[in-house]
Amino acid sequence: MPRPRLCRRIRFNPQITYFKPRGVPMVDLEIIELTSEEVEALRLKNIKNLDQNECAKQMHTSQSTFQRILSSAYKKTANALINGKAISINRL
């Protein structure tokens, strides 16, 4: 049985929850879902320009876990942008 997930500190709850390619109806798009953890990791690293250790401290997680969350967010975002998919942001 896997260990239960720890609560991570998320200090950002976006008002916008969907991004999609312009001119393509939502029914025709595959949706990539970003978790609130992934959005917070992107915000801390890229918007606030913090280093990974500081980001991990703010999210109450280890640096290696923060790196995994950030890598997952980058992969999903790149997949959506390059392959023309919609991005759904799961809110808290």
C-alpha atoms as a PDB file:
ATOM      1  CA  MET A   1       0.000   0.000   0.000  1.00  0.00           C
ATOM      2  CA  PRO A   2       1.522   3.361  -1.003  1.00  0.00           C
ATOM      3  CA  ARG A   3       2.219   6.083   1.476  1.00  0.00           C
ATOM      4  CA  PRO A   4      -0.533   8.750   1.710  1.00  0.00           C
ATOM      5  CA  ARG A   5       0.169  12.044  -0.052  1.00  0.00           C
ATOM      6  CA  LEU A   6       1.180  14.970   2.101  1.00  0.00           C
ATOM      7  CA  CYS A   7      -0.687  18.249   1.949  1.00  0.00           C
ATOM      8  CA  ARG A   8       1.171  20.797  -0.129  1.00  0.00           C
ATOM      9  CA  ARG A   9       0.786  24.510   0.400  1.00  0.00           C
ATOM     10  CA  ILE A  10      -0.962  26.119  -2.552  1.00  0.00           C
ATOM     11  CA  ARG A  11      -1.301  29.897  -2.338  1.00  0.00           C
ATOM     12  CA  PHE A  12      -2.770  30.552  -5.753  1.00  0.00           C
ATOM     13  CA  ASN A  13      -6.231  29.760  -7.043  1.00  0.00           C
ATOM     14  CA  PRO A  14      -6.553  30.867 -10.682  1.00  0.00           C
ATOM     15  CA  GLN A  15      -9.729  32.542 -11.909  1.00  0.00           C
ATOM     16  CA  ILE A  16      -9.214  31.162 -15.432  1.00  0.00           C
ATOM     17  CA  THR A  17      -9.510  27.376 -15.642  1.00  0.00           C
ATOM     18  CA  TYR A  18      -9.307  26.653 -19.395  1.00  0.00           C
ATOM     19  CA  PHE A  19      -6.977  27.582 -22.235  1.00  0.00           C
ATOM     20  CA  LYS A  20      -7.572  26.347 -25.747  1.00  0.00           C
ATOM     21  CA  PRO A  21      -6.370  26.962 -29.287  1.00  0.00           C
ATOM     22  CA  ARG A  22      -8.202  29.807 -30.952  1.00  0.00           C
ATOM     23  CA  GLY A  23     -10.869  28.909 -33.472  1.00  0.00           C
ATOM     24  CA  VAL A  24     -11.241  25.248 -32.463  1.00  0.00           C
ATOM     25  CA  PRO A  25     -14.425  24.188 -30.633  1.00  0.00           C
ATOM     26  CA  MET A  26     -13.886  22.541 -27.231  1.00  0.00           C
ATOM     27  CA  VAL A  27     -15.750  19.418 -28.359  1.00  0.00           C
ATOM     28  CA  ASP A  28     -13.008  18.796 -30.947  1.00  0.00           C
ATOM     29  CA  LEU A  29     -10.113  19.141 -28.499  1.00  0.00           C
ATOM     30  CA  GLU A  30      -8.345  16.706 -26.247  1.00  0.00           C
ATOM     31  CA  ILE A  31      -7.971  18.164 -22.742  1.00  0.00           C
ATOM     32  CA  ILE A  32      -4.758  18.120 -20.705  1.00  0.00           C
ATOM     33  CA  GLU A  33      -5.376  18.579 -16.968  1.00  0.00           C
ATOM     34  CA  LEU A  34      -2.945  20.538 -14.800  1.00  0.00           C
ATOM     35  CA  THR A  35      -3.275  20.025 -11.049  1.00  0.00           C
ATOM     36  CA  SER A  36      -3.245  22.933  -8.631  1.00  0.00           C
ATOM     37  CA  GLU A  37       0.187  21.704  -7.446  1.00  0.00           C
ATOM     38  CA  GLU A  38       1.554  21.916 -10.989  1.00  0.00           C
ATOM     39  CA  VAL A  39       0.157  25.413 -11.511  1.00  0.00           C
ATOM     40  CA  GLU A  40       1.629  26.563  -8.186  1.00  0.00           C
ATOM     41  CA  ALA A  41       5.018  25.090  -9.133  1.00  0.00           C
ATOM     42  CA  LEU A  42       4.954  26.930 -12.472  1.00  0.00           C
ATOM     43  CA  ARG A  43       3.960  30.165 -10.732  1.00  0.00           C
ATOM     44  CA  LEU A  44       6.681  29.991  -8.090  1.00  0.00           C
ATOM     45  CA  LYS A  45       9.462  29.001 -10.480  1.00  0.00           C
ATOM     46  CA  ASN A  46       8.602  31.086 -13.561  1.00  0.00           C
ATOM     47  CA  ILE A  47       6.555  34.053 -12.332  1.00  0.00           C
ATOM     48  CA  LYS A  48       8.154  34.664  -8.934  1.00  0.00           C
ATOM     49  CA  ASN A  49      11.604  33.560 -10.217  1.00  0.00           C
ATOM     50  CA  LEU A  50      12.446  31.603  -7.057  1.00  0.00           C
ATOM     51  CA  ASP A  51      15.075  28.871  -7.006  1.00  0.00           C
ATOM     52  CA  GLN A  52      13.886  25.296  -6.582  1.00  0.00           C
ATOM     53  CA  ASN A  53      14.862  25.019  -2.925  1.00  0.00           C
ATOM     54  CA  GLU A  54      12.847  28.123  -2.036  1.00  0.00           C
ATOM     55  CA  CYS A  55       9.907  26.903  -4.135  1.00  0.00           C
ATOM     56  CA  ALA A  56       9.975  23.546  -2.354  1.00  0.00           C
ATOM     57  CA  LYS A  57      10.029  25.262   1.045  1.00  0.00           C
ATOM     58  CA  GLN A  58       7.053  27.421   0.127  1.00  0.00           C
ATOM     59  CA  MET A  59       5.087  24.366  -1.039  1.00  0.00           C
ATOM     60  CA  HIS A  60       6.127  22.352   2.058  1.00  0.00           C
ATOM     61  CA  THR A  61       7.694  19.573   0.026  1.00  0.00           C
ATOM     62  CA  SER A  62      11.150  18.245  -0.759  1.00  0.00           C
ATOM     63  CA  GLN A  63      13.229  19.670  -3.588  1.00  0.00           C
ATOM     64  CA  SER A  64      13.077  16.385  -5.499  1.00  0.00           C
ATOM     65  CA  THR A  65       9.273  16.223  -5.212  1.00  0.00           C
ATOM     66  CA  PHE A  66       9.030  19.835  -6.353  1.00  0.00           C
ATOM     67  CA  GLN A  67      11.200  18.951  -9.377  1.00  0.00           C
ATOM     68  CA  ARG A  68       8.893  16.057 -10.274  1.00  0.00           C
ATOM     69  CA  ILE A  69       5.820  18.305 -10.007  1.00  0.00           C
ATOM     70  CA  LEU A  70       7.473  20.997 -12.146  1.00  0.00           C
ATOM     71  CA  SER A  71       8.642  18.484 -14.772  1.00  0.00           C
ATOM     72  CA  SER A  72       5.128  17.073 -15.032  1.00  0.00           C
ATOM     73  CA  ALA A  73       3.709  20.587 -15.505  1.00  0.00           C
ATOM     74  CA  TYR A  74       6.277  21.401 -18.224  1.00  0.00           C
ATOM     75  CA  LYS A  75       5.529  18.145 -20.081  1.00  0.00           C
ATOM     76  CA  LYS A  76       1.783  18.674 -20.008  1.00  0.00           C
ATOM     77  CA  THR A  77       2.051  22.324 -21.065  1.00  0.00           C
ATOM     78  CA  ALA A  78       4.437  21.535 -23.925  1.00  0.00           C
ATOM     79  CA  ASN A  79       2.199  18.684 -25.109  1.00  0.00           C
ATOM     80  CA  ALA A  80      -0.837  20.995 -25.160  1.00  0.00           C
ATOM     81  CA  LEU A  81       0.957  23.821 -26.980  1.00  0.00           C
ATOM     82  CA  ILE A  82       2.695  21.694 -29.598  1.00  0.00           C
ATOM     83  CA  ASN A  83      -0.188  19.315 -30.289  1.00  0.00           C
ATOM     84  CA  GLY A  84      -3.030  21.868 -30.132  1.00  0.00           C
ATOM     85  CA  LYS A  85      -4.781  20.565 -27.017  1.00  0.00           C
ATOM     86  CA  ALA A  86      -6.818  22.415 -24.416  1.00  0.00           C
ATOM     87  CA  ILE A  87      -5.448  22.939 -20.893  1.00  0.00           C
ATOM     88  CA  SER A  88      -7.759  22.513 -17.926  1.00  0.00           C
ATOM     89  CA  ILE A  89      -6.625  23.813 -14.537  1.00  0.00           C
ATOM     90  CA  ASN A  90      -8.082  21.925 -11.605  1.00  0.00           C
ATOM     91  CA  ARG A  91      -8.966  24.411  -8.887  1.00  0.00           C
ATOM     92  CA  LEU A  92      -8.739  23.792  -5.168  1.00  0.00           C
END
